[in-house]
Amino acid sequence: VQLQASGGGLVQTGGSLRLSCAVSGSISRFDGLAWFRQASGKPRELVASVGGGTNYADSVKGRYTISADNADNTLYLQMNDLKPEDTAVYYCRTERHLKGWQREYLWGQGPLVTVSS
């Protein structure tokens, strides 16, 4: 299984971008799908996840929307009202529950999102 993320770029404050993460194979086989981001000099953080419910980081609630399209096996992240502090490399990730508490995670190459003030 491979994950191919795309959709990053440069946008002004208040603008919008949509990130896509194409998964080779059916995304319905995964127990969870998520977007993370990592700003320069900071640890990677969870932005949004779906699977057993939808969750968002407080910093993006009301501005970001995560969705998954089973028909084209793609995970999306719609980002509106972008702020300079949203500047980061974004990563998609799949999660599969294995035996017991074991988990399998796969990561996609992150697109860079830059928000100018």
C-alpha atoms as a PDB file:
ATOM      1  CA  VAL A   1       0.000   0.000   0.000  1.00  0.00           C
ATOM      2  CA  GLN A   2       1.285   3.437  -0.923  1.00  0.00           C
ATOM      3  CA  LEU A   3       0.048   6.874   0.024  1.00  0.00           C
ATOM      4  CA  GLN A   4       0.559   9.811  -2.331  1.00  0.00           C
ATOM      5  CA  ALA A   5      -0.256  13.193  -0.868  1.00  0.00           C
ATOM      6  CA  SER A   6      -0.652  16.366  -2.909  1.00  0.00           C
ATOM      7  CA  GLY A   7      -2.251  19.787  -2.916  1.00  0.00           C
ATOM      8  CA  GLY A   8       0.147  21.915  -0.921  1.00  0.00           C
ATOM      9  CA  GLY A   9       1.348  25.341  -1.948  1.00  0.00           C
ATOM     10  CA  LEU A  10       1.602  29.001  -1.080  1.00  0.00           C
ATOM     11  CA  VAL A  11      -1.531  30.872  -0.047  1.00  0.00           C
ATOM     12  CA  GLN A  12      -2.303  34.173   1.626  1.00  0.00           C
ATOM     13  CA  THR A  13      -3.834  34.520   5.062  1.00  0.00           C
ATOM     14  CA  GLY A  14      -7.530  33.749   4.866  1.00  0.00           C
ATOM     15  CA  GLY A  15      -7.144  31.576   1.796  1.00  0.00           C
ATOM     16  CA  SER A  16      -8.038  27.934   1.251  1.00  0.00           C
ATOM     17  CA  LEU A  17      -6.332  24.776   0.095  1.00  0.00           C
ATOM     18  CA  ARG A  18      -7.411  21.186  -0.276  1.00  0.00           C
ATOM     19  CA  LEU A  19      -4.960  18.383   0.358  1.00  0.00           C
ATOM     20  CA  SER A  20      -5.448  14.954  -1.159  1.00  0.00           C
ATOM     21  CA  CYS A  21      -3.952  11.619  -0.186  1.00  0.00           C
ATOM     22  CA  ALA A  22      -4.434   8.889  -2.739  1.00  0.00           C
ATOM     23  CA  VAL A  23      -4.219   5.392  -1.316  1.00  0.00           C
ATOM     24  CA  SER A  24      -3.311   2.450  -3.507  1.00  0.00           C
ATOM     25  CA  GLY A  25      -5.941  -0.052  -2.541  1.00  0.00           C
ATOM     26  CA  SER A  26      -9.199   0.235  -0.685  1.00  0.00           C
ATOM     27  CA  ILE A  27      -9.252   2.768   2.153  1.00  0.00           C
ATOM     28  CA  SER A  28     -12.214   0.964   3.685  1.00  0.00           C
ATOM     29  CA  ARG A  29      -9.788  -1.665   4.995  1.00  0.00           C
ATOM     30  CA  PHE A  30      -8.257   0.853   7.400  1.00  0.00           C
ATOM     31  CA  ASP A  31      -9.527   1.490  10.897  1.00  0.00           C
ATOM     32  CA  GLY A  32      -8.425   5.096  10.906  1.00  0.00           C
ATOM     33  CA  LEU A  33      -7.210   7.841   8.601  1.00  0.00           C
ATOM     34  CA  ALA A  34      -5.556  11.027   9.704  1.00  0.00           C
ATOM     35  CA  TRP A  35      -3.689  14.151   8.761  1.00  0.00           C
ATOM     36  CA  PHE A  36      -0.706  15.364  10.743  1.00  0.00           C
ATOM     37  CA  ARG A  37       1.518  18.383  10.287  1.00  0.00           C
ATOM     38  CA  GLN A  38       4.985  19.402  11.314  1.00  0.00           C
ATOM     39  CA  ALA A  39       6.144  22.987  11.415  1.00  0.00           C
ATOM     40  CA  SER A  40       9.823  23.813  11.291  1.00  0.00           C
ATOM     41  CA  GLY A  41      11.467  23.114  14.641  1.00  0.00           C
ATOM     42  CA  LYS A  42       8.314  21.634  16.147  1.00  0.00           C
ATOM     43  CA  PRO A  43       7.113  18.071  16.736  1.00  0.00           C
ATOM     44  CA  ARG A  44       4.612  16.460  14.429  1.00  0.00           C
ATOM     45  CA  GLU A  45       1.036  17.002  15.594  1.00  0.00           C
ATOM     46  CA  LEU A  46      -2.317  15.457  14.819  1.00  0.00           C
ATOM     47  CA  VAL A  47      -4.549  17.782  12.834  1.00  0.00           C
ATOM     48  CA  ALA A  48      -7.603  15.685  12.070  1.00  0.00           C
ATOM     49  CA  SER A  49      -8.656  12.066  12.068  1.00  0.00           C
ATOM     50  CA  VAL A  50     -11.574   9.959  10.936  1.00  0.00           C
ATOM     51  CA  GLY A  51     -12.517   6.444  11.900  1.00  0.00           C
ATOM     52  CA  GLY A  52     -14.774   5.740  14.849  1.00  0.00           C
ATOM     53  CA  GLY A  53     -15.675   9.401  14.762  1.00  0.00           C
ATOM     54  CA  THR A  54     -14.101  12.592  13.498  1.00  0.00           C
ATOM     55  CA  ASN A  55     -11.647  14.574  15.582  1.00  0.00           C
ATOM     56  CA  TYR A  56      -9.841  17.859  15.083  1.00  0.00           C
ATOM     57  CA  ALA A  57      -7.084  19.697  16.861  1.00  0.00           C
ATOM     58  CA  ASP A  58      -8.471  22.727  18.688  1.00  0.00           C
ATOM     59  CA  SER A  59      -6.359  25.009  16.538  1.00  0.00           C
ATOM     60  CA  VAL A  60      -8.149  23.958  13.333  1.00  0.00           C
ATOM     61  CA  LYS A  61     -11.717  23.320  14.500  1.00  0.00           C
ATOM     62  CA  GLY A  62     -14.226  25.134  12.371  1.00  0.00           C
ATOM     63  CA  ARG A  63     -11.657  25.754   9.624  1.00  0.00           C
ATOM     64  CA  TYR A  64     -10.539  22.299   8.501  1.00  0.00           C
ATOM     65  CA  THR A  65     -12.635  19.391   7.283  1.00  0.00           C
ATOM     66  CA  ILE A  66     -11.369  15.849   6.882  1.00  0.00           C
ATOM     67  CA  SER A  67     -13.179  13.482   4.560  1.00  0.00           C
ATOM     68  CA  ALA A  68     -12.599  10.150   2.875  1.00  0.00           C
ATOM     69  CA  ASP A  69     -13.957   9.022  -0.458  1.00  0.00           C
ATOM     70  CA  ASN A  70     -14.202   5.252  -0.639  1.00  0.00           C
ATOM     71  CA  ALA A  71     -15.017   5.388  -4.333  1.00  0.00           C
ATOM     72  CA  ASP A  72     -11.658   6.835  -5.334  1.00  0.00           C
ATOM     73  CA  ASN A  73      -9.712   5.713  -2.255  1.00  0.00           C
ATOM     74  CA  THR A  74      -8.663   9.212  -1.364  1.00  0.00           C
ATOM     75  CA  LEU A  75      -8.406  11.091   1.906  1.00  0.00           C
ATOM     76  CA  TYR A  76      -8.969  14.830   1.796  1.00  0.00           C
ATOM     77  CA  LEU A  77      -8.291  17.785   4.041  1.00  0.00           C
ATOM     78  CA  GLN A  78     -10.139  20.987   3.196  1.00  0.00           C
ATOM     79  CA  MET A  79      -8.417  23.916   4.855  1.00  0.00           C
ATOM     80  CA  ASN A  80     -10.183  27.270   5.019  1.00  0.00           C
ATOM     81  CA  ASP A  81      -9.332  30.596   6.627  1.00  0.00           C
ATOM     82  CA  LEU A  82      -5.671  29.666   6.680  1.00  0.00           C
ATOM     83  CA  LYS A  83      -3.319  31.430   9.064  1.00  0.00           C
ATOM     84  CA  PRO A  84       0.466  31.814   9.052  1.00  0.00           C
ATOM     85  CA  GLU A  85       0.657  29.391  11.984  1.00  0.00           C
ATOM     86  CA  ASP A  86      -0.817  26.700   9.716  1.00  0.00           C
ATOM     87  CA  THR A  87       2.431  26.715   7.748  1.00  0.00           C
ATOM     88  CA  ALA A  88       3.860  23.208   7.934  1.00  0.00           C
ATOM     89  CA  VAL A  89       4.538  20.014   6.078  1.00  0.00           C
ATOM     90  CA  TYR A  90       1.349  17.973   6.127  1.00  0.00           C
ATOM     91  CA  TYR A  91       1.281  14.171   6.258  1.00  0.00           C
ATOM     92  CA  CYS A  92      -1.475  11.662   5.742  1.00  0.00           C
ATOM     93  CA  ARG A  93      -1.502   8.439   7.700  1.00  0.00           C
ATOM     94  CA  THR A  94      -3.482   5.220   7.724  1.00  0.00           C
ATOM     95  CA  GLU A  95      -4.042   3.063  10.777  1.00  0.00           C
ATOM     96  CA  ARG A  96      -4.892  -0.606  10.880  1.00  0.00           C
ATOM     97  CA  HIS A  97      -5.650  -2.541  14.033  1.00  0.00           C
ATOM     98  CA  LEU A  98      -3.814  -5.840  14.244  1.00  0.00           C
ATOM     99  CA  LYS A  99      -3.808  -8.475  16.956  1.00  0.00           C
ATOM    100  CA  GLY A 100      -4.389  -7.158  20.466  1.00  0.00           C
ATOM    101  CA  TRP A 101      -3.059  -3.612  20.832  1.00  0.00           C
ATOM    102  CA  GLN A 102      -0.813  -3.800  17.805  1.00  0.00           C
ATOM    103  CA  ARG A 103      -1.248  -1.094  15.223  1.00  0.00           C
ATOM    104  CA  GLU A 104       0.122  -0.694  11.710  1.00  0.00           C
ATOM    105  CA  TYR A 105       0.718   2.850  10.468  1.00  0.00           C
ATOM    106  CA  LEU A 106       1.547   3.967   6.956  1.00  0.00           C
ATOM    107  CA  TRP A 107       2.627   7.509   6.116  1.00  0.00           C
ATOM    108  CA  GLY A 108       2.364   9.534   2.972  1.00  0.00           C
ATOM    109  CA  GLN A 109       4.945  12.056   1.780  1.00  0.00           C
ATOM    110  CA  GLY A 110       3.921  15.439   3.078  1.00  0.00           C
ATOM    111  CA  PRO A 111       2.985  18.418   0.910  1.00  0.00           C
ATOM    112  CA  LEU A 112       4.277  21.776   2.160  1.00  0.00           C
ATOM    113  CA  VAL A 113       1.674  24.372   2.998  1.00  0.00           C
ATOM    114  CA  THR A 114       2.909  27.939   3.350  1.00  0.00           C
ATOM    115  CA  VAL A 115       0.593  30.700   4.499  1.00  0.00           C
ATOM    116  CA  SER A 116       1.870  34.230   3.999  1.00  0.00           C
ATOM    117  CA  SER A 117       0.758  37.110   6.186  1.00  0.00           C
END
